[in-house]
C-alpha atoms as a PDB file:
ATOM      1  CA  MET A   1      22.792   7.956  -8.920  1.00  0.00           C
ATOM      2  CA  SER A   2      22.457   8.108 -12.693  1.00  0.00           C
ATOM      3  CA  ILE A   3      19.388   6.694 -14.420  1.00  0.00           C
ATOM      4  CA  GLU A   4      19.349   5.668 -18.065  1.00  0.00           C
ATOM      5  CA  ILE A   5      16.097   7.015 -19.476  1.00  0.00           C
ATOM      6  CA  ILE A   6      15.065   5.229 -22.672  1.00  0.00           C
ATOM      7  CA  TYR A   7      11.999   7.340 -23.404  1.00  0.00           C
ATOM      8  CA  GLN A   8      10.063  10.118 -21.705  1.00  0.00           C
ATOM      9  CA  ASP A   9       7.115  12.359 -22.565  1.00  0.00           C
ATOM     10  CA  ASP A  10       4.419  14.091 -20.501  1.00  0.00           C
ATOM     11  CA  TYR A  11       2.664  10.807 -19.729  1.00  0.00           C
ATOM     12  CA  ILE A  12       5.146   7.929 -19.516  1.00  0.00           C
ATOM     13  CA  VAL A  13       8.809   7.309 -18.800  1.00  0.00           C
ATOM     14  CA  ALA A  14      10.811   4.179 -19.577  1.00  0.00           C
ATOM     15  CA  VAL A  15      14.152   3.402 -17.951  1.00  0.00           C
ATOM     16  CA  ASN A  16      16.838   0.761 -18.208  1.00  0.00           C
ATOM     17  CA  LYS A  17      16.835  -0.996 -14.817  1.00  0.00           C
ATOM     18  CA  PRO A  18      20.235  -2.356 -13.801  1.00  0.00           C
ATOM     19  CA  GLN A  19      20.495  -5.930 -12.588  1.00  0.00           C
ATOM     20  CA  ALA A  20      20.645  -6.420  -8.797  1.00  0.00           C
ATOM     21  CA  LEU A  21      18.366  -3.426  -8.194  1.00  0.00           C
ATOM     22  CA  LEU A  22      14.867  -3.844  -6.760  1.00  0.00           C
ATOM     23  CA  SER A  23      11.943  -2.439  -8.754  1.00  0.00           C
ATOM     24  CA  VAL A  24      10.133  -1.253  -5.603  1.00  0.00           C
ATOM     25  CA  PRO A  25      11.205  -1.048  -1.943  1.00  0.00           C
ATOM     26  CA  GLY A  26      11.573  -4.329  -0.077  1.00  0.00           C
ATOM     27  CA  LEU A  27      11.179  -5.078   3.610  1.00  0.00           C
ATOM     28  CA  GLY A  28      13.862  -3.665   5.869  1.00  0.00           C
ATOM     29  CA  PRO A  29      16.005  -0.513   5.836  1.00  0.00           C
ATOM     30  CA  ASN A  30      18.636  -2.108   3.582  1.00  0.00           C
ATOM     31  CA  LYS A  31      16.083  -2.626   0.796  1.00  0.00           C
ATOM     32  CA  LYS A  32      14.888   0.944   0.334  1.00  0.00           C
ATOM     33  CA  ASP A  33      17.060   1.650  -2.692  1.00  0.00           C
ATOM     34  CA  CYS A  34      15.100   0.685  -5.801  1.00  0.00           C
ATOM     35  CA  MET A  35      14.223   1.832  -9.305  1.00  0.00           C
ATOM     36  CA  ILE A  36      11.097   3.792  -8.355  1.00  0.00           C
ATOM     37  CA  SER A  37      12.792   5.618  -5.470  1.00  0.00           C
ATOM     38  CA  ARG A  38      15.636   6.696  -7.757  1.00  0.00           C
ATOM     39  CA  LEU A  39      13.230   7.759 -10.497  1.00  0.00           C
ATOM     40  CA  LEU A  40      11.087   9.813  -8.117  1.00  0.00           C
ATOM     41  CA  GLU A  41      14.044  12.132  -7.573  1.00  0.00           C
ATOM     42  CA  LEU A  42      13.878  13.038 -11.262  1.00  0.00           C
ATOM     43  CA  VAL A  43      10.170  12.533 -11.997  1.00  0.00           C
ATOM     44  CA  PRO A  44       8.180  13.187  -8.780  1.00  0.00           C
ATOM     45  CA  GLU A  45       4.870  12.016 -10.325  1.00  0.00           C
ATOM     46  CA  ALA A  46       6.241   8.644 -11.521  1.00  0.00           C
ATOM     47  CA  LYS A  47       4.007   5.665 -10.707  1.00  0.00           C
ATOM     48  CA  VAL A  48       4.710   1.911 -10.851  1.00  0.00           C
ATOM     49  CA  VAL A  49       2.723  -0.176 -13.342  1.00  0.00           C
ATOM     50  CA  HIS A  50       4.802  -3.379 -13.504  1.00  0.00           C
ATOM     51  CA  ARG A  51       7.961  -4.872 -12.040  1.00  0.00           C
ATOM     52  CA  LEU A  52      11.117  -6.691 -13.027  1.00  0.00           C
ATOM     53  CA  ASP A  53      12.820  -9.218 -10.771  1.00  0.00           C
ATOM     54  CA  CYS A  54      15.719  -7.739  -8.827  1.00  0.00           C
ATOM     55  CA  TYR A  55      18.306  -9.657 -10.848  1.00  0.00           C
ATOM     56  CA  THR A  56      16.645  -9.043 -14.235  1.00  0.00           C
ATOM     57  CA  SER A  57      17.887  -6.012 -16.146  1.00  0.00           C
ATOM     58  CA  GLY A  58      16.158  -4.046 -18.880  1.00  0.00           C
ATOM     59  CA  ILE A  59      13.158  -1.901 -19.703  1.00  0.00           C
ATOM     60  CA  MET A  60      10.781  -0.764 -16.983  1.00  0.00           C
ATOM     61  CA  LEU A  61       7.833   1.423 -17.935  1.00  0.00           C
ATOM     62  CA  PHE A  62       6.413   3.962 -15.479  1.00  0.00           C
ATOM     63  CA  ALA A  63       3.355   6.199 -15.616  1.00  0.00           C
ATOM     64  CA  ILE A  64       3.457   9.919 -14.889  1.00  0.00           C
ATOM     65  CA  GLY A  65       0.467  10.666 -12.683  1.00  0.00           C
ATOM     66  CA  ILE A  66      -2.363   8.546 -11.308  1.00  0.00           C
ATOM     67  CA  GLU A  67      -4.583   8.674 -14.411  1.00  0.00           C
ATOM     68  CA  MET A  68      -1.806   7.360 -16.628  1.00  0.00           C
ATOM     69  CA  GLN A  69      -1.041   4.697 -14.031  1.00  0.00           C
ATOM     70  CA  ARG A  70      -4.607   3.448 -14.416  1.00  0.00           C
ATOM     71  CA  ALA A  71      -4.373   3.551 -18.213  1.00  0.00           C
ATOM     72  CA  LEU A  72      -1.090   1.649 -18.380  1.00  0.00           C
ATOM     73  CA  SER A  73      -2.244  -0.839 -15.760  1.00  0.00           C
ATOM     74  CA  ARG A  74      -5.219  -1.657 -17.994  1.00  0.00           C
ATOM     75  CA  ILE A  75      -2.882  -2.241 -20.932  1.00  0.00           C
ATOM     76  CA  PHE A  76      -0.833  -4.716 -18.892  1.00  0.00           C
ATOM     77  CA  HIS A  77      -3.931  -6.382 -17.431  1.00  0.00           C
ATOM     78  CA  ASP A  78      -5.534  -6.785 -20.862  1.00  0.00           C
ATOM     79  CA  ARG A  79      -2.270  -8.110 -22.357  1.00  0.00           C
ATOM     80  CA  GLN A  80      -2.127  -5.293 -24.883  1.00  0.00           C
ATOM     81  CA  ILE A  81       1.615  -4.944 -24.448  1.00  0.00           C
ATOM     82  CA  GLN A  82       4.252  -7.234 -25.917  1.00  0.00           C
ATOM     83  CA  LYS A  83       7.250  -7.967 -23.721  1.00  0.00           C
ATOM     84  CA  GLN A  84      10.407  -9.588 -25.045  1.00  0.00           C
ATOM     85  CA  TYR A  85      13.357 -10.899 -23.061  1.00  0.00           C
ATOM     86  CA  ILE A  86      16.797 -12.291 -23.809  1.00  0.00           C
ATOM     87  CA  ALA A  87      17.906 -15.286 -21.738  1.00  0.00           C
ATOM     88  CA  VAL A  88      20.886 -17.618 -21.845  1.00  0.00           C
ATOM     89  CA  VAL A  89      20.621 -21.254 -20.752  1.00  0.00           C
ATOM     90  CA  LYS A  90      23.168 -24.072 -20.750  1.00  0.00           C
ATOM     91  CA  ASP A  91      21.322 -26.245 -23.216  1.00  0.00           C
ATOM     92  CA  TRP A  92      17.996 -26.384 -25.050  1.00  0.00           C
ATOM     93  CA  PHE A  93      16.008 -28.532 -27.447  1.00  0.00           C
ATOM     94  CA  ASP A  94      16.538 -29.213 -31.148  1.00  0.00           C
ATOM     95  CA  ASP A  95      13.409 -27.260 -32.075  1.00  0.00           C
ATOM     96  CA  GLU A  96      13.927 -23.627 -33.017  1.00  0.00           C
ATOM     97  CA  ALA A  97      10.699 -22.206 -31.531  1.00  0.00           C
ATOM     98  CA  GLY A  98       7.800 -23.240 -29.354  1.00  0.00           C
ATOM     99  CA  VAL A  99       5.505 -22.374 -26.471  1.00  0.00           C
ATOM    100  CA  ILE A 100       5.546 -23.286 -22.767  1.00  0.00           C
ATOM    101  CA  LYS A 101       2.214 -23.615 -20.972  1.00  0.00           C
ATOM    102  CA  TYR A 102       2.901 -24.601 -17.356  1.00  0.00           C
ATOM    103  CA  PRO A 103       0.394 -23.173 -14.831  1.00  0.00           C
ATOM    104  CA  MET A 104       2.068 -21.608 -11.807  1.00  0.00           C
ATOM    105  CA  ARG A 105       1.490 -20.567  -8.217  1.00  0.00           C
ATOM    106  CA  CYS A 106       3.506 -19.370  -5.258  1.00  0.00           C
ATOM    107  CA  ASP A 107       5.169 -22.069  -3.152  1.00  0.00           C
ATOM    108  CA  ILE A 108       3.594 -21.071   0.175  1.00  0.00           C
ATOM    109  CA  ASP A 109       6.066 -23.268   2.050  1.00  0.00           C
ATOM    110  CA  ASP A 110       9.120 -21.702   0.422  1.00  0.00           C
ATOM    111  CA  ARG A 111       8.476 -18.078  -0.530  1.00  0.00           C
ATOM    112  CA  PRO A 112       9.322 -16.333  -2.812  1.00  0.00           C
ATOM    113  CA  ARG A 113       9.718 -19.426  -4.997  1.00  0.00           C
ATOM    114  CA  GLN A 114       7.038 -20.154  -7.558  1.00  0.00           C
ATOM    115  CA  ILE A 115       6.164 -23.667  -8.718  1.00  0.00           C
ATOM    116  CA  VAL A 116       4.302 -25.437 -11.503  1.00  0.00           C
ATOM    117  CA  ASP A 117       0.915 -26.694 -10.309  1.00  0.00           C
ATOM    118  CA  TYR A 118      -1.583 -28.161 -12.771  1.00  0.00           C
ATOM    119  CA  GLU A 119      -4.370 -28.303 -10.181  1.00  0.00           C
ATOM    120  CA  HIS A 120      -4.148 -24.929  -8.415  1.00  0.00           C
ATOM    121  CA  GLY A 121      -1.806 -22.876 -10.599  1.00  0.00           C
ATOM    122  CA  LYS A 122      -2.812 -19.922 -12.760  1.00  0.00           C
ATOM    123  CA  SER A 123      -2.354 -19.975 -16.520  1.00  0.00           C
ATOM    124  CA  ALA A 124       1.183 -19.023 -17.605  1.00  0.00           C
ATOM    125  CA  ILE A 125       2.230 -18.910 -21.264  1.00  0.00           C
ATOM    126  CA  THR A 126       5.678 -18.194 -22.697  1.00  0.00           C
ATOM    127  CA  TYR A 127       6.658 -18.254 -26.369  1.00  0.00           C
ATOM    128  CA  TRP A 128      10.319 -18.986 -27.075  1.00  0.00           C
ATOM    129  CA  GLU A 129      12.700 -18.848 -30.011  1.00  0.00           C
ATOM    130  CA  VAL A 130      16.335 -19.878 -30.324  1.00  0.00           C
ATOM    131  CA  LEU A 131      18.500 -16.917 -31.309  1.00  0.00           C
ATOM    132  CA  GLN A 132      21.919 -18.528 -31.180  1.00  0.00           C
ATOM    133  CA  ARG A 133      23.469 -21.857 -30.247  1.00  0.00           C
ATOM    134  CA  ASN A 134      26.997 -21.690 -28.842  1.00  0.00           C
ATOM    135  CA  GLY A 135      29.241 -24.492 -27.721  1.00  0.00           C
ATOM    136  CA  ASP A 136      28.165 -24.407 -24.087  1.00  0.00           C
ATOM    137  CA  SER A 137      25.044 -22.225 -24.075  1.00  0.00           C
ATOM    138  CA  VAL A 138      21.895 -21.279 -25.978  1.00  0.00           C
ATOM    139  CA  ARG A 139      20.580 -17.733 -26.384  1.00  0.00           C
ATOM    140  CA  LEU A 140      16.784 -17.481 -26.293  1.00  0.00           C
ATOM    141  CA  LEU A 141      14.159 -14.892 -27.126  1.00  0.00           C
ATOM    142  CA  LEU A 142      11.319 -15.226 -24.602  1.00  0.00           C
ATOM    143  CA  LYS A 143       7.905 -13.645 -25.111  1.00  0.00           C
ATOM    144  CA  PRO A 144       5.613 -14.018 -22.074  1.00  0.00           C
ATOM    145  CA  GLU A 145       1.919 -13.767 -22.884  1.00  0.00           C
ATOM    146  CA  THR A 146       1.079 -13.742 -19.174  1.00  0.00           C
ATOM    147  CA  GLY A 147       2.945 -11.960 -16.387  1.00  0.00           C
ATOM    148  CA  ARG A 148       3.246 -14.382 -13.487  1.00  0.00           C
ATOM    149  CA  THR A 149       5.907 -13.799 -10.854  1.00  0.00           C
ATOM    150  CA  HIS A 150       9.212 -15.433 -11.932  1.00  0.00           C
ATOM    151  CA  GLN A 151       7.403 -16.859 -14.969  1.00  0.00           C
ATOM    152  CA  LEU A 152      10.355 -17.031 -17.353  1.00  0.00           C
ATOM    153  CA  ARG A 153      12.678 -18.418 -14.706  1.00  0.00           C
ATOM    154  CA  VAL A 154      10.227 -21.138 -13.642  1.00  0.00           C
ATOM    155  CA  HIS A 155       9.303 -22.046 -17.212  1.00  0.00           C
ATOM    156  CA  CYS A 156      12.953 -22.496 -18.207  1.00  0.00           C
ATOM    157  CA  LEU A 157      13.514 -24.588 -15.088  1.00  0.00           C
ATOM    158  CA  ALA A 158      10.421 -26.682 -15.857  1.00  0.00           C
ATOM    159  CA  MET A 159      11.824 -27.356 -19.335  1.00  0.00           C
ATOM    160  CA  GLY A 160      14.955 -28.704 -17.655  1.00  0.00           C
ATOM    161  CA  HIS A 161      17.262 -25.789 -18.483  1.00  0.00           C
ATOM    162  CA  PRO A 162      17.278 -23.001 -15.854  1.00  0.00           C
ATOM    163  CA  ILE A 163      18.606 -19.580 -16.799  1.00  0.00           C
ATOM    164  CA  ILE A 164      22.347 -19.291 -16.234  1.00  0.00           C
ATOM    165  CA  GLY A 165      23.172 -17.350 -13.073  1.00  0.00           C
ATOM    166  CA  ASP A 166      19.735 -17.820 -11.502  1.00  0.00           C
ATOM    167  CA  GLY A 167      20.559 -18.207  -7.829  1.00  0.00           C
ATOM    168  CA  LEU A 168      17.004 -19.174  -6.856  1.00  0.00           C
ATOM    169  CA  TYR A 169      16.082 -21.702  -9.527  1.00  0.00           C
ATOM    170  CA  GLY A 170      19.467 -22.647 -10.963  1.00  0.00           C
ATOM    171  CA  SER A 171      20.994 -26.034 -10.282  1.00  0.00           C
ATOM    172  CA  ASP A 172      24.648 -25.460 -11.167  1.00  0.00           C
ATOM    173  CA  ASN A 173      27.390 -24.073  -8.958  1.00  0.00           C
ATOM    174  CA  SER A 174      29.208 -22.093 -11.634  1.00  0.00           C
ATOM    175  CA  VAL A 175      30.398 -18.611 -10.758  1.00  0.00           C
ATOM    176  CA  GLN A 176      28.246 -16.174 -12.709  1.00  0.00           C
ATOM    177  CA  PRO A 177      28.316 -12.440 -11.960  1.00  0.00           C
ATOM    178  CA  ARG A 178      24.641 -12.028 -12.818  1.00  0.00           C
ATOM    179  CA  MET A 179      21.500 -13.809 -13.966  1.00  0.00           C
ATOM    180  CA  LEU A 180      21.437 -13.847 -17.764  1.00  0.00           C
ATOM    181  CA  LEU A 181      17.930 -12.454 -18.231  1.00  0.00           C
ATOM    182  CA  HIS A 182      17.230  -9.062 -19.807  1.00  0.00           C
ATOM    183  CA  ALA A 183      14.014  -7.267 -20.818  1.00  0.00           C
ATOM    184  CA  ASP A 184      15.008  -5.817 -24.186  1.00  0.00           C
ATOM    185  CA  ASN A 185      11.751  -4.850 -25.964  1.00  0.00           C
ATOM    186  CA  LEU A 186       8.346  -3.362 -25.129  1.00  0.00           C
ATOM    187  CA  LEU A 187       5.726  -2.870 -27.831  1.00  0.00           C
ATOM    188  CA  PHE A 188       2.404  -1.139 -27.128  1.00  0.00           C
ATOM    189  CA  THR A 189       0.060   1.626 -28.230  1.00  0.00           C
ATOM    190  CA  HIS A 190       0.535   4.892 -26.335  1.00  0.00           C
ATOM    191  CA  PRO A 191      -2.654   5.474 -24.272  1.00  0.00           C
ATOM    192  CA  VAL A 192      -2.805   9.193 -25.123  1.00  0.00           C
ATOM    193  CA  THR A 193      -1.051   9.806 -28.435  1.00  0.00           C
ATOM    194  CA  LYS A 194      -2.087   6.405 -29.892  1.00  0.00           C
ATOM    195  CA  LYS A 195       1.401   6.147 -31.340  1.00  0.00           C
ATOM    196  CA  GLU A 196       2.808   2.647 -31.758  1.00  0.00           C
ATOM    197  CA  MET A 197       5.638   2.502 -29.229  1.00  0.00           C
ATOM    198  CA  HIS A 198       8.655   0.219 -29.655  1.00  0.00           C
ATOM    199  CA  LEU A 199      11.090   0.663 -26.784  1.00  0.00           C
ATOM    200  CA  PHE A 200      14.436  -1.110 -26.834  1.00  0.00           C
ATOM    201  CA  SER A 201      17.208  -1.708 -24.277  1.00  0.00           C
ATOM    202  CA  ARG A 202      20.450  -3.235 -25.483  1.00  0.00           C
ATOM    203  CA  CYS A 203      21.370  -6.484 -23.769  1.00  0.00           C
ATOM    204  CA  GLU A 204      24.747  -6.353 -21.988  1.00  0.00           C
ATOM    205  CA  PHE A 205      25.528 -10.063 -22.219  1.00  0.00           C
END
């Protein structure tokens, strides 16, 4: 199976994850195929440092070796990496930019869903910007400051406009071949070379 490698050196490797592919193995024999298992065939020392939802496409960054895994994990934990996503929703607000600050937690009665919870939820912050308004949809740039599970999907839902094609949080019955959410940019300082990295993956929708 071919893998689109966006960037690779002796320490890190970034790939373009297709939509409908798990980041890591799931439970059960039919969920073994995933991005890390495919990458390990090419880069045996590849290590996971973050994940994308199965139905989100775009950039995934992997470490090469355990020491680099620790270094990159610190960058993600300390929010020293900027992540940017493209999303398409059916409608949006008149404002051109803003920020969403809805705390979130897992819905323990309906996993894997996540919900907004002001009392028990963890801080979740997403900056948004309108890129294009079409007749029946709005194209957004989403910049999560935090990395909660399903954060962008839940935040769009909480604003009243779920991402088109989202089978878990969407409310419409339209036929959509995929969820319209794509990780298109990663910006960070390389842990070893100290080079400013700007990795890009072209959005297919």
